């Protein structure tokens, strides 16, 4: 076989299969990002479920802090509403920032009540919240790593040609922007 014909065949095969391979890699990355996002979603739901119990626990000791309790519940309700698929990731992150800020205020308030800090129910809820916050952080890191890898491929040539041709759009990172919300709520027991 003529070497020129062989080269032409190899080039033709590469031209046909390279976009297919690139497309399939984008599909796999999208599935990985969606799975990572589902991990965040599960932990956020767990967090949202803990908040009412935590508020009730603290209310029993600090009933006069009604405004703070209402702020926590309101922030939780906004965070729960932001879980809807049509809500952009950045808006959901802002709602979670607000909830973290309010929870931090609630836990700081609890510091002033030694009896509350000795309450087993409160301590268990606090422990669960801190563990959940740690899992949210780990899930968020995984998701952001998946998005960063996807974005590198989506923007690099020649993958960007396949990405634009098949509608592989930009994915935002799930970032905490509020400096006060960058740390998981933690109160010493």
C-alpha atoms as a PDB file:
ATOM      1  CA  UNK A   1       0.000   0.000   0.000  1.00  0.00           C
ATOM      2  CA  UNK A   2       1.217   3.437  -0.882  1.00  0.00           C
ATOM      3  CA  UNK A   3       2.445   5.371   2.241  1.00  0.00           C
ATOM      4  CA  UNK A   4       0.555   8.460   1.081  1.00  0.00           C
ATOM      5  CA  UNK A   5      -2.718   6.533   0.994  1.00  0.00           C
ATOM      6  CA  UNK A   6      -2.018   5.079   4.442  1.00  0.00           C
ATOM      7  CA  UNK A   7      -1.378   8.546   5.855  1.00  0.00           C
ATOM      8  CA  UNK A   8      -4.572   9.822   4.218  1.00  0.00           C
ATOM      9  CA  UNK A   9      -6.576   6.969   5.786  1.00  0.00           C
ATOM     10  CA  UNK A  10      -5.084   7.610   9.242  1.00  0.00           C
ATOM     11  CA  UNK A  11      -5.840  11.341   8.954  1.00  0.00           C
ATOM     12  CA  UNK A  12      -9.408  10.644   7.781  1.00  0.00           C
ATOM     13  CA  UNK A  13     -10.004   8.237  10.668  1.00  0.00           C
ATOM     14  CA  UNK A  14      -8.572  10.770  13.145  1.00  0.00           C
ATOM     15  CA  UNK A  15     -10.766  13.538  11.731  1.00  0.00           C
ATOM     16  CA  UNK A  16     -13.848  11.353  12.158  1.00  0.00           C
ATOM     17  CA  UNK A  17     -13.100   9.804  15.542  1.00  0.00           C
ATOM     18  CA  UNK A  18     -11.441  12.707  17.395  1.00  0.00           C
ATOM     19  CA  UNK A  19     -14.683  14.717  17.661  1.00  0.00           C
ATOM     20  CA  UNK A  20     -16.572  11.594  18.759  1.00  0.00           C
ATOM     21  CA  UNK A  21     -13.980  10.884  21.434  1.00  0.00           C
ATOM     22  CA  UNK A  22     -14.046  14.522  22.589  1.00  0.00           C
ATOM     23  CA  UNK A  23     -17.838  14.551  22.667  1.00  0.00           C
ATOM     24  CA  UNK A  24     -17.918  11.382  24.770  1.00  0.00           C
ATOM     25  CA  UNK A  25     -15.403  12.865  27.211  1.00  0.00           C
ATOM     26  CA  UNK A  26     -17.645  15.922  27.615  1.00  0.00           C
ATOM     27  CA  UNK A  27     -20.631  13.665  28.277  1.00  0.00           C
ATOM     28  CA  UNK A  28     -18.652  11.747  30.906  1.00  0.00           C
ATOM     29  CA  UNK A  29     -17.503  14.974  32.560  1.00  0.00           C
ATOM     30  CA  UNK A  30     -21.040  16.324  32.613  1.00  0.00           C
ATOM     31  CA  UNK A  31     -22.178  13.123  34.339  1.00  0.00           C
ATOM     32  CA  UNK A  32     -19.343  13.461  36.884  1.00  0.00           C
ATOM     33  CA  UNK A  33     -20.288  17.079  37.599  1.00  0.00           C
ATOM     34  CA  UNK A  34     -23.932  16.124  38.029  1.00  0.00           C
ATOM     35  CA  UNK A  35     -22.979  13.321  40.425  1.00  0.00           C
ATOM     36  CA  UNK A  36     -20.756  15.683  42.409  1.00  0.00           C
ATOM     37  CA  UNK A  37     -23.574  18.232  42.529  1.00  0.00           C
ATOM     38  CA  UNK A  38     -25.935  15.542  43.807  1.00  0.00           C
ATOM     39  CA  UNK A  39     -23.485  14.956  46.676  1.00  0.00           C
ATOM     40  CA  UNK A  40     -23.684  18.643  47.593  1.00  0.00           C
ATOM     41  CA  UNK A  41     -27.453  18.550  47.307  1.00  0.00           C
ATOM     42  CA  UNK A  42     -27.753  15.602  49.711  1.00  0.00           C
ATOM     43  CA  UNK A  43     -25.604  17.326  52.332  1.00  0.00           C
ATOM     44  CA  UNK A  44     -27.428  20.645  51.954  1.00  0.00           C
ATOM     45  CA  UNK A  45     -30.730  18.838  52.466  1.00  0.00           C
ATOM     46  CA  UNK A  46     -29.344  17.232  55.616  1.00  0.00           C
ATOM     47  CA  UNK A  47     -28.238  20.656  56.816  1.00  0.00           C
ATOM     48  CA  UNK A  48     -31.640  22.162  56.054  1.00  0.00           C
ATOM     49  CA  UNK A  49     -33.292  19.355  58.034  1.00  0.00           C
ATOM     50  CA  UNK A  50     -31.048  19.982  61.076  1.00  0.00           C
ATOM     51  CA  UNK A  51     -31.801  23.707  61.306  1.00  0.00           C
ATOM     52  CA  UNK A  52     -35.370  23.546  62.715  1.00  0.00           C
ATOM     53  CA  UNK A  53     -34.271  21.112  65.437  1.00  0.00           C
ATOM     54  CA  UNK A  54     -31.308  23.297  66.327  1.00  0.00           C
ATOM     55  CA  UNK A  55     -33.529  26.392  66.518  1.00  0.00           C
ATOM     56  CA  UNK A  56     -36.050  24.590  68.751  1.00  0.00           C
ATOM     57  CA  UNK A  57     -33.247  23.397  70.996  1.00  0.00           C
ATOM     58  CA  UNK A  58     -31.805  26.898  71.463  1.00  0.00           C
ATOM     59  CA  UNK A  59     -35.254  28.519  71.771  1.00  0.00           C
ATOM     60  CA  UNK A  60     -35.893  26.599  74.955  1.00  0.00           C
ATOM     61  CA  UNK A  61     -32.967  28.385  76.607  1.00  0.00           C
ATOM     62  CA  UNK A  62     -32.989  31.773  74.889  1.00  0.00           C
ATOM     63  CA  UNK A  63     -36.625  32.476  74.126  1.00  0.00           C
ATOM     64  CA  UNK A  64     -36.046  36.259  74.167  1.00  0.00           C
ATOM     65  CA  UNK A  65     -33.870  35.999  71.000  1.00  0.00           C
ATOM     66  CA  UNK A  66     -36.935  35.730  68.765  1.00  0.00           C
ATOM     67  CA  UNK A  67     -35.550  37.966  65.991  1.00  0.00           C
ATOM     68  CA  UNK A  68     -32.471  35.766  65.575  1.00  0.00           C
ATOM     69  CA  UNK A  69     -34.587  32.614  65.429  1.00  0.00           C
ATOM     70  CA  UNK A  70     -36.786  34.189  62.767  1.00  0.00           C
ATOM     71  CA  UNK A  71     -33.701  35.183  60.754  1.00  0.00           C
ATOM     72  CA  UNK A  72     -32.345  31.645  60.921  1.00  0.00           C
ATOM     73  CA  UNK A  73     -35.666  30.147  59.833  1.00  0.00           C
ATOM     74  CA  UNK A  74     -36.016  32.708  57.034  1.00  0.00           C
ATOM     75  CA  UNK A  75     -32.474  32.021  55.796  1.00  0.00           C
ATOM     76  CA  UNK A  76     -33.154  28.282  55.913  1.00  0.00           C
ATOM     77  CA  UNK A  77     -36.385  28.702  53.929  1.00  0.00           C
ATOM     78  CA  UNK A  78     -34.553  30.759  51.272  1.00  0.00           C
ATOM     79  CA  UNK A  79     -31.833  28.103  51.089  1.00  0.00           C
ATOM     80  CA  UNK A  80     -34.417  25.325  50.716  1.00  0.00           C
ATOM     81  CA  UNK A  81     -36.194  27.288  47.960  1.00  0.00           C
ATOM     82  CA  UNK A  82     -32.909  27.800  46.132  1.00  0.00           C
ATOM     83  CA  UNK A  83     -32.444  24.047  45.662  1.00  0.00           C
ATOM     84  CA  UNK A  84     -34.856  24.116  42.696  1.00  0.00           C
ATOM     85  CA  UNK A  85     -33.189  23.058  39.419  1.00  0.00           C
ATOM     86  CA  UNK A  86     -33.995  26.372  37.726  1.00  0.00           C
ATOM     87  CA  UNK A  87     -32.112  28.375  40.389  1.00  0.00           C
ATOM     88  CA  UNK A  88     -28.551  29.195  39.271  1.00  0.00           C
ATOM     89  CA  UNK A  89     -25.705  27.701  41.306  1.00  0.00           C
ATOM     90  CA  UNK A  90     -24.463  31.185  42.238  1.00  0.00           C
ATOM     91  CA  UNK A  91     -27.867  32.125  43.695  1.00  0.00           C
ATOM     92  CA  UNK A  92     -27.958  28.887  45.663  1.00  0.00           C
ATOM     93  CA  UNK A  93     -24.467  29.622  46.996  1.00  0.00           C
ATOM     94  CA  UNK A  94     -25.601  33.078  48.157  1.00  0.00           C
ATOM     95  CA  UNK A  95     -28.601  31.562  49.958  1.00  0.00           C
ATOM     96  CA  UNK A  96     -26.309  29.043  51.664  1.00  0.00           C
ATOM     97  CA  UNK A  97     -23.918  31.865  52.635  1.00  0.00           C
ATOM     98  CA  UNK A  98     -26.780  33.647  54.385  1.00  0.00           C
ATOM     99  CA  UNK A  99     -27.828  30.469  56.187  1.00  0.00           C
ATOM    100  CA  UNK A 100     -24.260  29.826  57.354  1.00  0.00           C
ATOM    101  CA  UNK A 101     -24.023  33.372  58.670  1.00  0.00           C
ATOM    102  CA  UNK A 102     -27.279  33.011  60.611  1.00  0.00           C
ATOM    103  CA  UNK A 103     -26.301  29.587  61.979  1.00  0.00           C
ATOM    104  CA  UNK A 104     -22.994  31.006  63.148  1.00  0.00           C
ATOM    105  CA  UNK A 105     -24.914  33.727  65.007  1.00  0.00           C
ATOM    106  CA  UNK A 106     -27.161  31.110  66.572  1.00  0.00           C
ATOM    107  CA  UNK A 107     -24.228  29.018  67.756  1.00  0.00           C
ATOM    108  CA  UNK A 108     -22.419  32.070  69.098  1.00  0.00           C
ATOM    109  CA  UNK A 109     -25.581  32.906  71.054  1.00  0.00           C
ATOM    110  CA  UNK A 110     -25.540  29.396  72.510  1.00  0.00           C
ATOM    111  CA  UNK A 111     -22.092  30.105  73.965  1.00  0.00           C
ATOM    112  CA  UNK A 112     -23.776  32.412  76.479  1.00  0.00           C
ATOM    113  CA  UNK A 113     -25.954  29.630  77.894  1.00  0.00           C
ATOM    114  CA  UNK A 114     -23.888  27.056  79.827  1.00  0.00           C
ATOM    115  CA  UNK A 115     -26.963  24.895  80.475  1.00  0.00           C
ATOM    116  CA  UNK A 116     -27.663  24.752  76.733  1.00  0.00           C
ATOM    117  CA  UNK A 117     -24.054  23.852  75.975  1.00  0.00           C
ATOM    118  CA  UNK A 118     -24.412  20.968  78.430  1.00  0.00           C
ATOM    119  CA  UNK A 119     -27.694  19.769  76.865  1.00  0.00           C
ATOM    120  CA  UNK A 120     -27.136  16.418  75.126  1.00  0.00           C
ATOM    121  CA  UNK A 121     -29.688  17.097  72.407  1.00  0.00           C
ATOM    122  CA  UNK A 122     -28.087  20.436  71.569  1.00  0.00           C
ATOM    123  CA  UNK A 123     -24.591  18.938  71.618  1.00  0.00           C
ATOM    124  CA  UNK A 124     -25.682  16.134  69.312  1.00  0.00           C
ATOM    125  CA  UNK A 125     -27.314  18.603  66.906  1.00  0.00           C
ATOM    126  CA  UNK A 126     -24.220  20.792  66.994  1.00  0.00           C
ATOM    127  CA  UNK A 127     -21.978  17.792  66.273  1.00  0.00           C
ATOM    128  CA  UNK A 128     -24.207  16.725  63.375  1.00  0.00           C
ATOM    129  CA  UNK A 129     -24.163  20.242  61.977  1.00  0.00           C
ATOM    130  CA  UNK A 130     -20.374  20.477  62.111  1.00  0.00           C
ATOM    131  CA  UNK A 131     -20.047  17.046  60.454  1.00  0.00           C
ATOM    132  CA  UNK A 132     -22.528  18.088  57.787  1.00  0.00           C
ATOM    133  CA  UNK A 133     -20.643  21.322  57.157  1.00  0.00           C
ATOM    134  CA  UNK A 134     -17.451  19.305  56.715  1.00  0.00           C
ATOM    135  CA  UNK A 135     -19.174  17.003  54.217  1.00  0.00           C
ATOM    136  CA  UNK A 136     -20.601  20.003  52.348  1.00  0.00           C
ATOM    137  CA  UNK A 137     -17.094  21.442  52.080  1.00  0.00           C
ATOM    138  CA  UNK A 138     -15.691  18.153  50.785  1.00  0.00           C
ATOM    139  CA  UNK A 139     -18.552  17.773  48.280  1.00  0.00           C
ATOM    140  CA  UNK A 140     -18.130  21.363  47.159  1.00  0.00           C
ATOM    141  CA  UNK A 141     -14.389  20.820  46.591  1.00  0.00           C
ATOM    142  CA  UNK A 142     -15.092  17.701  44.499  1.00  0.00           C
ATOM    143  CA  UNK A 143     -17.725  19.508  42.437  1.00  0.00           C
ATOM    144  CA  UNK A 144     -15.438  22.504  41.880  1.00  0.00           C
ATOM    145  CA  UNK A 145     -12.584  20.215  40.779  1.00  0.00           C
ATOM    146  CA  UNK A 146     -14.901  18.510  38.282  1.00  0.00           C
ATOM    147  CA  UNK A 147     -16.080  21.880  36.957  1.00  0.00           C
ATOM    148  CA  UNK A 148     -12.522  23.193  36.669  1.00  0.00           C
ATOM    149  CA  UNK A 149     -11.427  20.144  34.629  1.00  0.00           C
ATOM    150  CA  UNK A 150     -14.510  20.478  32.410  1.00  0.00           C
ATOM    151  CA  UNK A 151     -13.899  24.199  31.889  1.00  0.00           C
ATOM    152  CA  UNK A 152     -10.242  23.622  30.965  1.00  0.00           C
ATOM    153  CA  UNK A 153     -11.300  21.125  28.312  1.00  0.00           C
ATOM    154  CA  UNK A 154     -14.236  23.249  27.169  1.00  0.00           C
ATOM    155  CA  UNK A 155     -12.015  26.257  26.555  1.00  0.00           C
ATOM    156  CA  UNK A 156      -8.975  24.461  25.062  1.00  0.00           C
ATOM    157  CA  UNK A 157      -8.515  24.034  21.343  1.00  0.00           C
ATOM    158  CA  UNK A 158      -9.724  21.885  19.592  1.00  0.00           C
ATOM    159  CA  UNK A 159     -12.139  20.678  22.283  1.00  0.00           C
ATOM    160  CA  UNK A 160     -13.758  24.111  22.286  1.00  0.00           C
ATOM    161  CA  UNK A 161     -14.999  23.434  18.749  1.00  0.00           C
ATOM    162  CA  UNK A 162     -16.847  20.318  19.892  1.00  0.00           C
ATOM    163  CA  UNK A 163     -18.098  22.075  23.047  1.00  0.00           C
ATOM    164  CA  UNK A 164     -19.595  24.971  21.116  1.00  0.00           C
ATOM    165  CA  UNK A 165     -21.003  22.723  18.361  1.00  0.00           C
ATOM    166  CA  UNK A 166     -22.836  20.509  20.839  1.00  0.00           C
ATOM    167  CA  UNK A 167     -23.839  23.086  23.448  1.00  0.00           C
ATOM    168  CA  UNK A 168     -21.546  22.167  26.314  1.00  0.00           C
ATOM    169  CA  UNK A 169     -22.064  25.396  28.209  1.00  0.00           C
ATOM    170  CA  UNK A 170     -20.102  26.958  31.025  1.00  0.00           C
ATOM    171  CA  UNK A 171     -20.668  25.539  34.505  1.00  0.00           C
ATOM    172  CA  UNK A 172     -20.241  27.860  37.493  1.00  0.00           C
ATOM    173  CA  UNK A 173     -18.250  26.921  40.560  1.00  0.00           C
ATOM    174  CA  UNK A 174     -20.067  26.548  43.877  1.00  0.00           C
ATOM    175  CA  UNK A 175     -18.171  29.172  45.829  1.00  0.00           C
ATOM    176  CA  UNK A 176     -18.683  30.768  49.200  1.00  0.00           C
ATOM    177  CA  UNK A 177     -18.177  34.497  48.724  1.00  0.00           C
ATOM    178  CA  UNK A 178     -19.133  35.833  52.144  1.00  0.00           C
ATOM    179  CA  UNK A 179     -15.959  35.910  54.260  1.00  0.00           C
ATOM    180  CA  UNK A 180     -17.981  35.247  57.432  1.00  0.00           C
ATOM    181  CA  UNK A 181     -19.453  32.130  55.842  1.00  0.00           C
ATOM    182  CA  UNK A 182     -16.097  30.634  54.783  1.00  0.00           C
ATOM    183  CA  UNK A 183     -15.768  28.674  58.001  1.00  0.00           C
ATOM    184  CA  UNK A 184     -18.104  25.984  59.240  1.00  0.00           C
ATOM    185  CA  UNK A 185     -20.082  27.048  62.290  1.00  0.00           C
ATOM    186  CA  UNK A 186     -18.218  25.761  65.299  1.00  0.00           C
ATOM    187  CA  UNK A 187     -18.676  26.338  68.969  1.00  0.00           C
ATOM    188  CA  UNK A 188     -16.534  24.660  71.547  1.00  0.00           C
ATOM    189  CA  UNK A 189     -18.412  22.225  73.748  1.00  0.00           C
END
